Amino acid sequence: MLTDDFWDGDPRAAFRKGGLLDINPLGRTIKRRILYKPNQAMRDLHRKLIAHIREVRANHVSAVIAPVRLSPLKNVRVHRSGRFFLLFDFKSAYGHVDLDRMADVLAAFSPDLQSSHEQVRAFLQRYCFADEGGLATGAPASPDLFNLYAGKIVDEPVTGLLALYAAQGRRIQYTRYLDDLTFSAKKQRLGSSFRWRLREIFKHAGFELRRVDGKPPFDLRKGPIVITGLRVEWKGRIFVPRHFVQLFRSTLRQAIHLCHFEDEFSIEKMAGMYGVFCSALHREQPPTQLEQEVFALWRDYRKLRKLTLRSRR
């Protein structure tokens, strides 16, 4: 529980504003973002705010829709038995978070804040929102604030809509991974009437879609789809897209050829890519020839790195 003086903030807390070229090797997208880099005092404020948000979300119904630690793989696994899919993603999601509604959502989750709306609003504007409007990209609490916000104004009405369909015998699975929304059903197609109702919910929440109608409905029997960067096949096989595996293979080959075994950034990058590569591998299924090659290169990379580091001591 936060103390009363927390919302007064800390005058030492500040952001350093800069640019970021955000490259997503899974989605093969490149975006230019304005990044807000916090100093230590700002990090301390956000750490306390994050702990508070996660505490109040733990007992709320929408927390089951977008858990704090939901990963792309966990998000996809919910839909492994589905056949018909509908995908939406919000355009500039952080930028469409409204300051007044964010303060209202925080108060809705924390009744003790209902009498301090203006103070909470001033805190959010000073310590959590970008100069351009919306949540600050790079602020530590932004993902948690966004999940809290979307949980209230998106997940709750969507869950209510799905309950109406369930009462008619039409069960539809729903998950949200930050600004990526996935709907799936085993037997019935997700028709235009359902899509229209969803768009009305998103419009009322103040979000824009990257595509006006979302991505076209998918039938897994007609081919695989990509959800939050992971490819899903009929019968539930989940795997990392081939282009990412090929990228990881070429990166490993280059590191071995150029003997890049001491640069900390390169080592961390390799470890991160290996973690993504392993995250969606099916232990009950034999690895493909490409996956076996990557495993062999990874073993060679680790062996040579150890030998190099040992010889330099």
C-alpha atoms as a PDB file:
ATOM      1  CA  MET A   1       0.000   0.000   0.000  1.00  0.00           C
ATOM      2  CA  LEU A   2       1.314   3.416  -0.967  1.00  0.00           C
ATOM      3  CA  THR A   3       1.728   6.135   1.634  1.00  0.00           C
ATOM      4  CA  ASP A   4      -0.277   9.370   1.345  1.00  0.00           C
ATOM      5  CA  ASP A   5       2.793  11.423   0.478  1.00  0.00           C
ATOM      6  CA  PHE A   6       3.698   9.146  -2.466  1.00  0.00           C
ATOM      7  CA  TRP A   7       1.404  11.099  -4.802  1.00  0.00           C
ATOM      8  CA  ASP A   8       3.346  14.274  -3.982  1.00  0.00           C
ATOM      9  CA  GLY A   9       6.143  12.809  -6.091  1.00  0.00           C
ATOM     10  CA  ASP A  10       9.867  13.483  -5.902  1.00  0.00           C
ATOM     11  CA  PRO A  11      11.351  16.714  -7.317  1.00  0.00           C
ATOM     12  CA  ARG A  12      14.579  14.848  -8.108  1.00  0.00           C
ATOM     13  CA  ALA A  13      12.789  12.444 -10.461  1.00  0.00           C
ATOM     14  CA  ALA A  14      13.282  13.199 -14.151  1.00  0.00           C
ATOM     15  CA  PHE A  15      13.345  11.690 -17.642  1.00  0.00           C
ATOM     16  CA  ARG A  16      15.963  12.171 -20.320  1.00  0.00           C
ATOM     17  CA  LYS A  17      14.259  12.269 -23.684  1.00  0.00           C
ATOM     18  CA  GLY A  18      15.818  10.597 -26.703  1.00  0.00           C
ATOM     19  CA  GLY A  19      15.139   8.635 -29.877  1.00  0.00           C
ATOM     20  CA  LEU A  20      14.902   4.880 -30.374  1.00  0.00           C
ATOM     21  CA  LEU A  21      14.958   2.685 -33.473  1.00  0.00           C
ATOM     22  CA  ASP A  22      12.835  -0.262 -32.348  1.00  0.00           C
ATOM     23  CA  ILE A  23      13.625  -3.358 -34.436  1.00  0.00           C
ATOM     24  CA  ASN A  24      11.402  -6.391 -33.903  1.00  0.00           C
ATOM     25  CA  PRO A  25      13.045  -9.477 -35.477  1.00  0.00           C
ATOM     26  CA  LEU A  26       9.928 -11.583 -34.905  1.00  0.00           C
ATOM     27  CA  GLY A  27       7.455  -9.213 -36.479  1.00  0.00           C
ATOM     28  CA  ARG A  28      10.038  -7.886 -38.982  1.00  0.00           C
ATOM     29  CA  THR A  29       9.041  -4.309 -38.164  1.00  0.00           C
ATOM     30  CA  ILE A  30      11.108  -1.165 -37.604  1.00  0.00           C
ATOM     31  CA  LYS A  31       9.641   1.766 -35.674  1.00  0.00           C
ATOM     32  CA  ARG A  32      11.060   5.095 -34.595  1.00  0.00           C
ATOM     33  CA  ARG A  33       9.989   5.985 -31.067  1.00  0.00           C
ATOM     34  CA  ILE A  34      10.524   8.817 -28.609  1.00  0.00           C
ATOM     35  CA  LEU A  35      12.083   7.196 -25.555  1.00  0.00           C
ATOM     36  CA  TYR A  36      11.897   8.542 -22.003  1.00  0.00           C
ATOM     37  CA  LYS A  37      14.882   7.366 -19.952  1.00  0.00           C
ATOM     38  CA  PRO A  38      14.348   7.658 -16.172  1.00  0.00           C
ATOM     39  CA  ASN A  39      16.976   8.658 -13.622  1.00  0.00           C
ATOM     40  CA  GLN A  40      17.316   6.687 -10.390  1.00  0.00           C
ATOM     41  CA  ALA A  41      14.802   8.805  -8.459  1.00  0.00           C
ATOM     42  CA  MET A  42      12.233   8.284 -11.217  1.00  0.00           C
ATOM     43  CA  ARG A  43      12.951   4.542 -11.227  1.00  0.00           C
ATOM     44  CA  ASP A  44      12.312   4.406  -7.483  1.00  0.00           C
ATOM     45  CA  LEU A  45       8.938   6.130  -7.890  1.00  0.00           C
ATOM     46  CA  HIS A  46       7.921   3.784 -10.678  1.00  0.00           C
ATOM     47  CA  ARG A  47       9.052   0.711  -8.744  1.00  0.00           C
ATOM     48  CA  LYS A  48       6.635   1.602  -5.936  1.00  0.00           C
ATOM     49  CA  LEU A  49       3.861   2.387  -8.402  1.00  0.00           C
ATOM     50  CA  ILE A  50       4.351  -0.943 -10.185  1.00  0.00           C
ATOM     51  CA  ALA A  51       4.118  -2.847  -6.899  1.00  0.00           C
ATOM     52  CA  HIS A  52       0.878  -1.000  -6.085  1.00  0.00           C
ATOM     53  CA  ILE A  53      -0.663  -1.685  -9.508  1.00  0.00           C
ATOM     54  CA  ARG A  54       0.153  -5.386  -9.371  1.00  0.00           C
ATOM     55  CA  GLU A  55      -1.292  -5.648  -5.894  1.00  0.00           C
ATOM     56  CA  VAL A  56      -4.622  -4.056  -6.824  1.00  0.00           C
ATOM     57  CA  ARG A  57      -4.865  -6.023 -10.088  1.00  0.00           C
ATOM     58  CA  ALA A  58      -4.283  -9.375  -8.405  1.00  0.00           C
ATOM     59  CA  ASN A  59      -7.872  -9.578  -7.098  1.00  0.00           C
ATOM     60  CA  HIS A  60      -9.584  -8.082 -10.136  1.00  0.00           C
ATOM     61  CA  VAL A  61     -11.498 -10.082 -12.737  1.00  0.00           C
ATOM     62  CA  SER A  62      -9.726  -8.558 -15.749  1.00  0.00           C
ATOM     63  CA  ALA A  63      -6.362  -9.699 -14.391  1.00  0.00           C
ATOM     64  CA  VAL A  64      -7.108 -13.181 -15.775  1.00  0.00           C
ATOM     65  CA  ILE A  65      -7.339 -11.703 -19.278  1.00  0.00           C
ATOM     66  CA  ALA A  66      -3.936 -10.016 -19.346  1.00  0.00           C
ATOM     67  CA  PRO A  67      -1.833 -11.371 -16.470  1.00  0.00           C
ATOM     68  CA  VAL A  68       1.143  -9.296 -15.403  1.00  0.00           C
ATOM     69  CA  ARG A  69       3.631 -11.900 -16.572  1.00  0.00           C
ATOM     70  CA  LEU A  70       1.820 -12.995 -19.726  1.00  0.00           C
ATOM     71  CA  SER A  71       4.384 -13.850 -22.397  1.00  0.00           C
ATOM     72  CA  PRO A  72       3.865 -14.204 -26.167  1.00  0.00           C
ATOM     73  CA  LEU A  73       4.046 -17.998 -25.804  1.00  0.00           C
ATOM     74  CA  LYS A  74       1.555 -18.154 -22.915  1.00  0.00           C
ATOM     75  CA  ASN A  75      -0.733 -15.842 -24.851  1.00  0.00           C
ATOM     76  CA  VAL A  76      -0.716 -18.162 -27.865  1.00  0.00           C
ATOM     77  CA  ARG A  77      -1.133 -21.370 -25.856  1.00  0.00           C
ATOM     78  CA  VAL A  78      -4.608 -20.270 -24.738  1.00  0.00           C
ATOM     79  CA  HIS A  79      -5.702 -20.580 -28.375  1.00  0.00           C
ATOM     80  CA  ARG A  80      -4.047 -23.884 -29.306  1.00  0.00           C
ATOM     81  CA  SER A  81      -7.398 -25.666 -29.706  1.00  0.00           C
ATOM     82  CA  GLY A  82      -8.929 -22.919 -31.854  1.00  0.00           C
ATOM     83  CA  ARG A  83      -9.608 -23.036 -35.567  1.00  0.00           C
ATOM     84  CA  PHE A  84     -11.172 -19.665 -36.405  1.00  0.00           C
ATOM     85  CA  PHE A  85      -9.195 -16.567 -35.423  1.00  0.00           C
ATOM     86  CA  LEU A  86      -9.671 -12.824 -35.310  1.00  0.00           C
ATOM     87  CA  LEU A  87      -6.726 -10.516 -34.553  1.00  0.00           C
ATOM     88  CA  PHE A  88      -6.653  -6.818 -33.686  1.00  0.00           C
ATOM     89  CA  ASP A  89      -3.819  -4.509 -32.743  1.00  0.00           C
ATOM     90  CA  PHE A  90      -4.059  -0.931 -31.518  1.00  0.00           C
ATOM     91  CA  LYS A  91      -2.296   1.877 -33.332  1.00  0.00           C
ATOM     92  CA  SER A  92       0.047   3.922 -31.068  1.00  0.00           C
ATOM     93  CA  ALA A  93      -1.547   2.313 -28.016  1.00  0.00           C
ATOM     94  CA  TYR A  94       0.390   4.290 -25.396  1.00  0.00           C
ATOM     95  CA  GLY A  95      -0.390   7.541 -27.207  1.00  0.00           C
ATOM     96  CA  HIS A  96      -4.142   6.915 -26.949  1.00  0.00           C
ATOM     97  CA  VAL A  97      -4.202   6.559 -23.167  1.00  0.00           C
ATOM     98  CA  ASP A  98      -6.217   9.498 -21.817  1.00  0.00           C
ATOM     99  CA  LEU A  99      -4.867  11.226 -18.712  1.00  0.00           C
ATOM    100  CA  ASP A 100      -8.231  11.829 -17.009  1.00  0.00           C
ATOM    101  CA  ARG A 101      -9.478   8.323 -17.711  1.00  0.00           C
ATOM    102  CA  MET A 102      -6.181   6.878 -16.445  1.00  0.00           C
ATOM    103  CA  ALA A 103      -6.671   8.727 -13.149  1.00  0.00           C
ATOM    104  CA  ASP A 104     -10.271   7.464 -13.003  1.00  0.00           C
ATOM    105  CA  VAL A 105      -9.121   3.860 -13.598  1.00  0.00           C
ATOM    106  CA  LEU A 106      -6.530   4.083 -10.815  1.00  0.00           C
ATOM    107  CA  ALA A 107      -9.242   5.398  -8.481  1.00  0.00           C
ATOM    108  CA  ALA A 108     -11.611   2.599  -9.540  1.00  0.00           C
ATOM    109  CA  PHE A 109      -9.032  -0.006  -8.524  1.00  0.00           C
ATOM    110  CA  SER A 110      -8.054   1.904  -5.345  1.00  0.00           C
ATOM    111  CA  PRO A 111     -11.094   3.321  -3.517  1.00  0.00           C
ATOM    112  CA  ASP A 112      -8.828   5.307  -1.173  1.00  0.00           C
ATOM    113  CA  LEU A 113      -7.809   7.462  -4.177  1.00  0.00           C
ATOM    114  CA  GLN A 114     -11.320   8.500  -5.186  1.00  0.00           C
ATOM    115  CA  SER A 115     -11.086  11.703  -3.156  1.00  0.00           C
ATOM    116  CA  SER A 116      -7.607  12.524  -4.556  1.00  0.00           C
ATOM    117  CA  HIS A 117      -8.370  12.564  -8.286  1.00  0.00           C
ATOM    118  CA  GLU A 118      -6.621  15.870  -9.033  1.00  0.00           C
ATOM    119  CA  GLN A 119      -3.525  14.891  -7.055  1.00  0.00           C
ATOM    120  CA  VAL A 120      -3.297  11.524  -8.834  1.00  0.00           C
ATOM    121  CA  ARG A 121      -3.862  13.234 -12.186  1.00  0.00           C
ATOM    122  CA  ALA A 122      -1.059  15.708 -11.510  1.00  0.00           C
ATOM    123  CA  PHE A 123       1.263  12.860 -10.474  1.00  0.00           C
ATOM    124  CA  LEU A 124       0.543  10.885 -13.650  1.00  0.00           C
ATOM    125  CA  GLN A 125       1.053  13.920 -15.858  1.00  0.00           C
ATOM    126  CA  ARG A 126       4.365  14.804 -14.222  1.00  0.00           C
ATOM    127  CA  TYR A 127       5.874  11.343 -13.752  1.00  0.00           C
ATOM    128  CA  CYS A 128       4.154   8.931 -16.184  1.00  0.00           C
ATOM    129  CA  PHE A 129       2.897  10.767 -19.273  1.00  0.00           C
ATOM    130  CA  ALA A 130       4.815  11.981 -22.315  1.00  0.00           C
ATOM    131  CA  ASP A 131       4.991  15.626 -23.335  1.00  0.00           C
ATOM    132  CA  GLU A 132       3.280  14.583 -26.581  1.00  0.00           C
ATOM    133  CA  GLY A 133       0.408  12.968 -24.658  1.00  0.00           C
ATOM    134  CA  GLY A 134      -0.207   9.365 -23.662  1.00  0.00           C
ATOM    135  CA  LEU A 135       1.980   7.106 -21.543  1.00  0.00           C
ATOM    136  CA  ALA A 136       5.721   7.683 -21.810  1.00  0.00           C
ATOM    137  CA  THR A 137       7.546   4.985 -23.774  1.00  0.00           C
ATOM    138  CA  GLY A 138      10.471   3.809 -21.659  1.00  0.00           C
ATOM    139  CA  ALA A 139       8.887   4.681 -18.314  1.00  0.00           C
ATOM    140  CA  PRO A 140       9.121   1.545 -16.140  1.00  0.00           C
ATOM    141  CA  ALA A 141       5.467   1.588 -15.082  1.00  0.00           C
ATOM    142  CA  SER A 142       4.001   2.199 -18.559  1.00  0.00           C
ATOM    143  CA  PRO A 143       3.277  -1.497 -19.367  1.00  0.00           C
ATOM    144  CA  ASP A 144       1.545  -1.993 -16.001  1.00  0.00           C
ATOM    145  CA  LEU A 145      -0.393   1.264 -16.291  1.00  0.00           C
ATOM    146  CA  PHE A 146      -1.475   0.325 -19.805  1.00  0.00           C
ATOM    147  CA  ASN A 147      -2.623  -3.146 -18.703  1.00  0.00           C
ATOM    148  CA  LEU A 148      -4.584  -1.597 -15.843  1.00  0.00           C
ATOM    149  CA  TYR A 149      -6.162   0.942 -18.195  1.00  0.00           C
ATOM    150  CA  ALA A 150      -6.988  -1.512 -20.987  1.00  0.00           C
ATOM    151  CA  GLY A 151      -8.129  -4.086 -18.439  1.00  0.00           C
ATOM    152  CA  LYS A 152     -10.832  -1.726 -17.270  1.00  0.00           C
ATOM    153  CA  ILE A 153     -12.002  -0.081 -20.493  1.00  0.00           C
ATOM    154  CA  VAL A 154     -11.325  -2.902 -22.984  1.00  0.00           C
ATOM    155  CA  ASP A 155     -11.111  -6.284 -21.253  1.00  0.00           C
ATOM    156  CA  GLU A 156     -14.163  -5.806 -19.040  1.00  0.00           C
ATOM    157  CA  PRO A 157     -16.633  -4.879 -21.823  1.00  0.00           C
ATOM    158  CA  VAL A 158     -15.140  -7.539 -24.118  1.00  0.00           C
ATOM    159  CA  THR A 159     -15.552 -10.153 -21.385  1.00  0.00           C
ATOM    160  CA  GLY A 160     -19.164  -9.050 -20.948  1.00  0.00           C
ATOM    161  CA  LEU A 161     -19.767  -9.449 -24.687  1.00  0.00           C
ATOM    162  CA  LEU A 162     -18.201 -12.922 -24.691  1.00  0.00           C
ATOM    163  CA  ALA A 163     -20.452 -13.920 -21.788  1.00  0.00           C
ATOM    164  CA  LEU A 164     -23.492 -13.100 -23.951  1.00  0.00           C
ATOM    165  CA  TYR A 165     -22.150 -15.311 -26.735  1.00  0.00           C
ATOM    166  CA  ALA A 166     -21.337 -18.095 -24.237  1.00  0.00           C
ATOM    167  CA  ALA A 167     -24.948 -18.014 -23.006  1.00  0.00           C
ATOM    168  CA  GLN A 168     -25.954 -18.805 -26.600  1.00  0.00           C
ATOM    169  CA  GLY A 169     -23.574 -21.777 -26.692  1.00  0.00           C
ATOM    170  CA  ARG A 170     -20.840 -19.954 -28.652  1.00  0.00           C
ATOM    171  CA  ARG A 171     -17.610 -20.133 -26.684  1.00  0.00           C
ATOM    172  CA  ILE A 172     -14.922 -17.675 -27.788  1.00  0.00           C
ATOM    173  CA  GLN A 173     -11.428 -17.480 -26.270  1.00  0.00           C
ATOM    174  CA  TYR A 174      -9.884 -14.042 -25.747  1.00  0.00           C
ATOM    175  CA  THR A 175      -6.463 -12.812 -24.693  1.00  0.00           C
ATOM    176  CA  ARG A 176      -4.713  -9.466 -24.852  1.00  0.00           C
ATOM    177  CA  TYR A 177      -0.931  -9.142 -24.908  1.00  0.00           C
ATOM    178  CA  LEU A 178      -0.485  -5.401 -24.339  1.00  0.00           C
ATOM    179  CA  ASP A 179      -1.981  -3.959 -27.565  1.00  0.00           C
ATOM    180  CA  ASP A 180      -2.408  -7.256 -29.470  1.00  0.00           C
ATOM    181  CA  LEU A 181      -5.862  -8.835 -29.101  1.00  0.00           C
ATOM    182  CA  THR A 182      -6.619 -12.421 -30.112  1.00  0.00           C
ATOM    183  CA  PHE A 183     -10.024 -14.123 -30.412  1.00  0.00           C
ATOM    184  CA  SER A 184     -10.492 -17.776 -31.336  1.00  0.00           C
ATOM    185  CA  ALA A 185     -13.276 -20.334 -31.606  1.00  0.00           C
ATOM    186  CA  LYS A 186     -13.271 -24.073 -32.235  1.00  0.00           C
ATOM    187  CA  LYS A 187     -16.350 -24.464 -34.420  1.00  0.00           C
ATOM    188  CA  GLN A 188     -18.080 -21.222 -35.393  1.00  0.00           C
ATOM    189  CA  ARG A 189     -16.711 -18.456 -37.563  1.00  0.00           C
ATOM    190  CA  LEU A 190     -16.283 -15.019 -35.989  1.00  0.00           C
ATOM    191  CA  GLY A 191     -18.653 -13.068 -38.194  1.00  0.00           C
ATOM    192  CA  SER A 192     -19.166  -9.425 -39.129  1.00  0.00           C
ATOM    193  CA  SER A 193     -21.706  -8.781 -36.350  1.00  0.00           C
ATOM    194  CA  PHE A 194     -19.189  -9.870 -33.703  1.00  0.00           C
ATOM    195  CA  ARG A 195     -16.447  -7.778 -35.303  1.00  0.00           C
ATOM    196  CA  TRP A 196     -18.715  -4.705 -35.384  1.00  0.00           C
ATOM    197  CA  ARG A 197     -19.475  -5.040 -31.667  1.00  0.00           C
ATOM    198  CA  LEU A 198     -15.766  -5.286 -30.894  1.00  0.00           C
ATOM    199  CA  ARG A 199     -14.977  -2.196 -32.952  1.00  0.00           C
ATOM    200  CA  GLU A 200     -17.619  -0.262 -31.006  1.00  0.00           C
ATOM    201  CA  ILE A 201     -15.930  -1.261 -27.735  1.00  0.00           C
ATOM    202  CA  PHE A 202     -12.513  -0.165 -29.027  1.00  0.00           C
ATOM    203  CA  LYS A 203     -13.939   3.106 -30.339  1.00  0.00           C
ATOM    204  CA  HIS A 204     -15.582   3.888 -26.992  1.00  0.00           C
ATOM    205  CA  ALA A 205     -12.262   3.106 -25.261  1.00  0.00           C
ATOM    206  CA  GLY A 206     -10.542   5.703 -27.443  1.00  0.00           C
ATOM    207  CA  PHE A 207      -8.227   3.336 -29.333  1.00  0.00           C
ATOM    208  CA  GLU A 208      -7.557   3.224 -33.055  1.00  0.00           C
ATOM    209  CA  LEU A 209      -6.892   0.016 -34.970  1.00  0.00           C
ATOM    210  CA  ARG A 210      -3.981  -0.395 -37.371  1.00  0.00           C
ATOM    211  CA  ARG A 211      -6.578  -1.745 -39.786  1.00  0.00           C
ATOM    212  CA  VAL A 212     -10.127  -0.420 -39.617  1.00  0.00           C
ATOM    213  CA  ASP A 213     -11.644  -3.918 -39.511  1.00  0.00           C
ATOM    214  CA  GLY A 214      -8.683  -5.636 -37.894  1.00  0.00           C
ATOM    215  CA  LYS A 215      -6.847  -8.377 -39.724  1.00  0.00           C
ATOM    216  CA  PRO A 216      -8.991 -10.628 -41.951  1.00  0.00           C
ATOM    217  CA  PRO A 217     -10.538 -13.625 -40.137  1.00  0.00           C
ATOM    218  CA  PHE A 218      -8.312 -16.705 -40.241  1.00  0.00           C
ATOM    219  CA  ASP A 219      -9.139 -20.385 -40.629  1.00  0.00           C
ATOM    220  CA  LEU A 220      -6.180 -22.462 -39.430  1.00  0.00           C
ATOM    221  CA  ARG A 221      -7.143 -25.308 -41.741  1.00  0.00           C
ATOM    222  CA  LYS A 222      -6.242 -23.029 -44.655  1.00  0.00           C
ATOM    223  CA  GLY A 223      -2.779 -22.218 -43.332  1.00  0.00           C
ATOM    224  CA  PRO A 224      -0.779 -21.034 -40.303  1.00  0.00           C
ATOM    225  CA  ILE A 225      -1.045 -17.576 -38.749  1.00  0.00           C
ATOM    226  CA  VAL A 226       1.281 -15.394 -36.682  1.00  0.00           C
ATOM    227  CA  ILE A 227       0.105 -14.300 -33.214  1.00  0.00           C
ATOM    228  CA  THR A 228       2.305 -11.999 -31.117  1.00  0.00           C
ATOM    229  CA  GLY A 229       5.279 -12.959 -33.254  1.00  0.00           C
ATOM    230  CA  LEU A 230       4.790 -16.750 -33.029  1.00  0.00           C
ATOM    231  CA  ARG A 231       3.489 -18.926 -35.845  1.00  0.00           C
ATOM    232  CA  VAL A 232       0.574 -21.262 -35.075  1.00  0.00           C
ATOM    233  CA  GLU A 233      -0.445 -24.249 -37.202  1.00  0.00           C
ATOM    234  CA  TRP A 234      -3.599 -26.341 -37.328  1.00  0.00           C
ATOM    235  CA  LYS A 235      -3.661 -28.881 -34.464  1.00  0.00           C
ATOM    236  CA  GLY A 236      -1.846 -26.417 -32.196  1.00  0.00           C
ATOM    237  CA  ARG A 237       1.834 -26.548 -33.173  1.00  0.00           C
ATOM    238  CA  ILE A 238       3.526 -23.300 -32.120  1.00  0.00           C
ATOM    239  CA  PHE A 239       6.931 -22.276 -33.419  1.00  0.00           C
ATOM    240  CA  VAL A 240       9.171 -19.284 -34.000  1.00  0.00           C
ATOM    241  CA  PRO A 241       8.868 -18.026 -37.612  1.00  0.00           C
ATOM    242  CA  ARG A 242      11.498 -19.437 -39.936  1.00  0.00           C
ATOM    243  CA  HIS A 243      12.923 -16.014 -40.782  1.00  0.00           C
ATOM    244  CA  PHE A 244      13.856 -15.464 -37.120  1.00  0.00           C
ATOM    245  CA  VAL A 245      15.551 -18.873 -36.878  1.00  0.00           C
ATOM    246  CA  GLN A 246      17.483 -18.080 -40.072  1.00  0.00           C
ATOM    247  CA  LEU A 247      18.497 -14.703 -38.646  1.00  0.00           C
ATOM    248  CA  PHE A 248      19.731 -16.366 -35.444  1.00  0.00           C
ATOM    249  CA  ARG A 249      21.671 -18.946 -37.465  1.00  0.00           C
ATOM    250  CA  SER A 250      23.430 -16.267 -39.537  1.00  0.00           C
ATOM    251  CA  THR A 251      24.182 -14.226 -36.399  1.00  0.00           C
ATOM    252  CA  LEU A 252      25.785 -17.263 -34.757  1.00  0.00           C
ATOM    253  CA  ARG A 253      27.838 -18.008 -37.868  1.00  0.00           C
ATOM    254  CA  GLN A 254      29.061 -14.417 -38.003  1.00  0.00           C
ATOM    255  CA  ALA A 255      29.995 -14.396 -34.311  1.00  0.00           C
ATOM    256  CA  ILE A 256      31.971 -17.634 -34.696  1.00  0.00           C
ATOM    257  CA  HIS A 257      33.674 -16.440 -37.882  1.00  0.00           C
ATOM    258  CA  LEU A 258      34.644 -13.036 -36.412  1.00  0.00           C
ATOM    259  CA  CYS A 259      35.392 -14.428 -32.924  1.00  0.00           C
ATOM    260  CA  HIS A 260      32.955 -12.076 -31.168  1.00  0.00           C
ATOM    261  CA  PHE A 261      33.165 -13.756 -27.778  1.00  0.00           C
ATOM    262  CA  GLU A 262      34.041 -10.914 -25.394  1.00  0.00           C
ATOM    263  CA  ASP A 263      31.693  -8.082 -26.253  1.00  0.00           C
ATOM    264  CA  GLU A 264      29.055  -7.921 -23.502  1.00  0.00           C
ATOM    265  CA  PHE A 265      26.375  -6.531 -25.819  1.00  0.00           C
ATOM    266  CA  SER A 266      26.913  -9.349 -28.320  1.00  0.00           C
ATOM    267  CA  ILE A 267      26.814 -11.980 -25.570  1.00  0.00           C
ATOM    268  CA  GLU A 268      23.552 -10.610 -24.149  1.00  0.00           C
ATOM    269  CA  LYS A 269      22.027 -10.360 -27.612  1.00  0.00           C
ATOM    270  CA  MET A 270      22.925 -13.990 -28.343  1.00  0.00           C
ATOM    271  CA  ALA A 271      21.464 -15.163 -25.041  1.00  0.00           C
ATOM    272  CA  GLY A 272      18.244 -13.250 -25.710  1.00  0.00           C
ATOM    273  CA  MET A 273      17.861 -14.672 -29.209  1.00  0.00           C
ATOM    274  CA  TYR A 274      18.544 -18.180 -27.932  1.00  0.00           C
ATOM    275  CA  GLY A 275      15.834 -17.714 -25.298  1.00  0.00           C
ATOM    276  CA  VAL A 276      13.296 -16.704 -27.962  1.00  0.00           C
ATOM    277  CA  PHE A 277      14.388 -19.593 -30.175  1.00  0.00           C
ATOM    278  CA  CYS A 278      13.871 -22.127 -27.365  1.00  0.00           C
ATOM    279  CA  SER A 279      10.638 -20.632 -26.032  1.00  0.00           C
ATOM    280  CA  ALA A 280       8.318 -22.199 -28.594  1.00  0.00           C
ATOM    281  CA  LEU A 281      10.114 -25.473 -29.324  1.00  0.00           C
ATOM    282  CA  HIS A 282       7.961 -28.525 -28.716  1.00  0.00           C
ATOM    283  CA  ARG A 283       9.801 -31.004 -26.544  1.00  0.00           C
ATOM    284  CA  GLU A 284       7.467 -33.793 -27.685  1.00  0.00           C
ATOM    285  CA  GLN A 285       8.321 -33.177 -31.343  1.00  0.00           C
ATOM    286  CA  PRO A 286      11.743 -33.769 -32.936  1.00  0.00           C
ATOM    287  CA  PRO A 287      13.567 -30.582 -34.010  1.00  0.00           C
ATOM    288  CA  THR A 288      13.695 -29.751 -37.698  1.00  0.00           C
ATOM    289  CA  GLN A 289      16.957 -29.863 -39.657  1.00  0.00           C
ATOM    290  CA  LEU A 290      17.265 -26.069 -39.379  1.00  0.00           C
ATOM    291  CA  GLU A 291      16.680 -26.194 -35.607  1.00  0.00           C
ATOM    292  CA  GLN A 292      19.300 -28.959 -35.227  1.00  0.00           C
ATOM    293  CA  GLU A 293      21.778 -26.789 -37.127  1.00  0.00           C
ATOM    294  CA  VAL A 294      21.092 -23.846 -34.813  1.00  0.00           C
ATOM    295  CA  PHE A 295      21.600 -26.041 -31.734  1.00  0.00           C
ATOM    296  CA  ALA A 296      24.940 -27.242 -33.129  1.00  0.00           C
ATOM    297  CA  LEU A 297      26.057 -23.673 -33.862  1.00  0.00           C
ATOM    298  CA  TRP A 298      25.002 -22.603 -30.368  1.00  0.00           C
ATOM    299  CA  ARG A 299      27.088 -25.381 -28.805  1.00  0.00           C
ATOM    300  CA  ASP A 300      30.088 -24.367 -30.939  1.00  0.00           C
ATOM    301  CA  TYR A 301      29.605 -20.717 -30.023  1.00  0.00           C
ATOM    302  CA  ARG A 302      29.499 -21.443 -26.284  1.00  0.00           C
ATOM    303  CA  LYS A 303      32.489 -23.810 -26.470  1.00  0.00           C
ATOM    304  CA  LEU A 304      34.628 -21.318 -28.410  1.00  0.00           C
ATOM    305  CA  ARG A 305      33.588 -18.458 -26.128  1.00  0.00           C
ATOM    306  CA  LYS A 306      34.652 -20.420 -23.051  1.00  0.00           C
ATOM    307  CA  LEU A 307      37.979 -21.352 -24.639  1.00  0.00           C
ATOM    308  CA  THR A 308      38.612 -17.755 -25.708  1.00  0.00           C
ATOM    309  CA  LEU A 309      37.840 -16.321 -22.303  1.00  0.00           C
ATOM    310  CA  ARG A 310      39.934 -19.005 -20.595  1.00  0.00           C
ATOM    311  CA  SER A 311      42.963 -18.302 -22.810  1.00  0.00           C
ATOM    312  CA  ARG A 312      42.791 -14.565 -22.040  1.00  0.00           C
ATOM    313  CA  ARG A 313      43.013 -15.042 -18.275  1.00  0.00           C
END
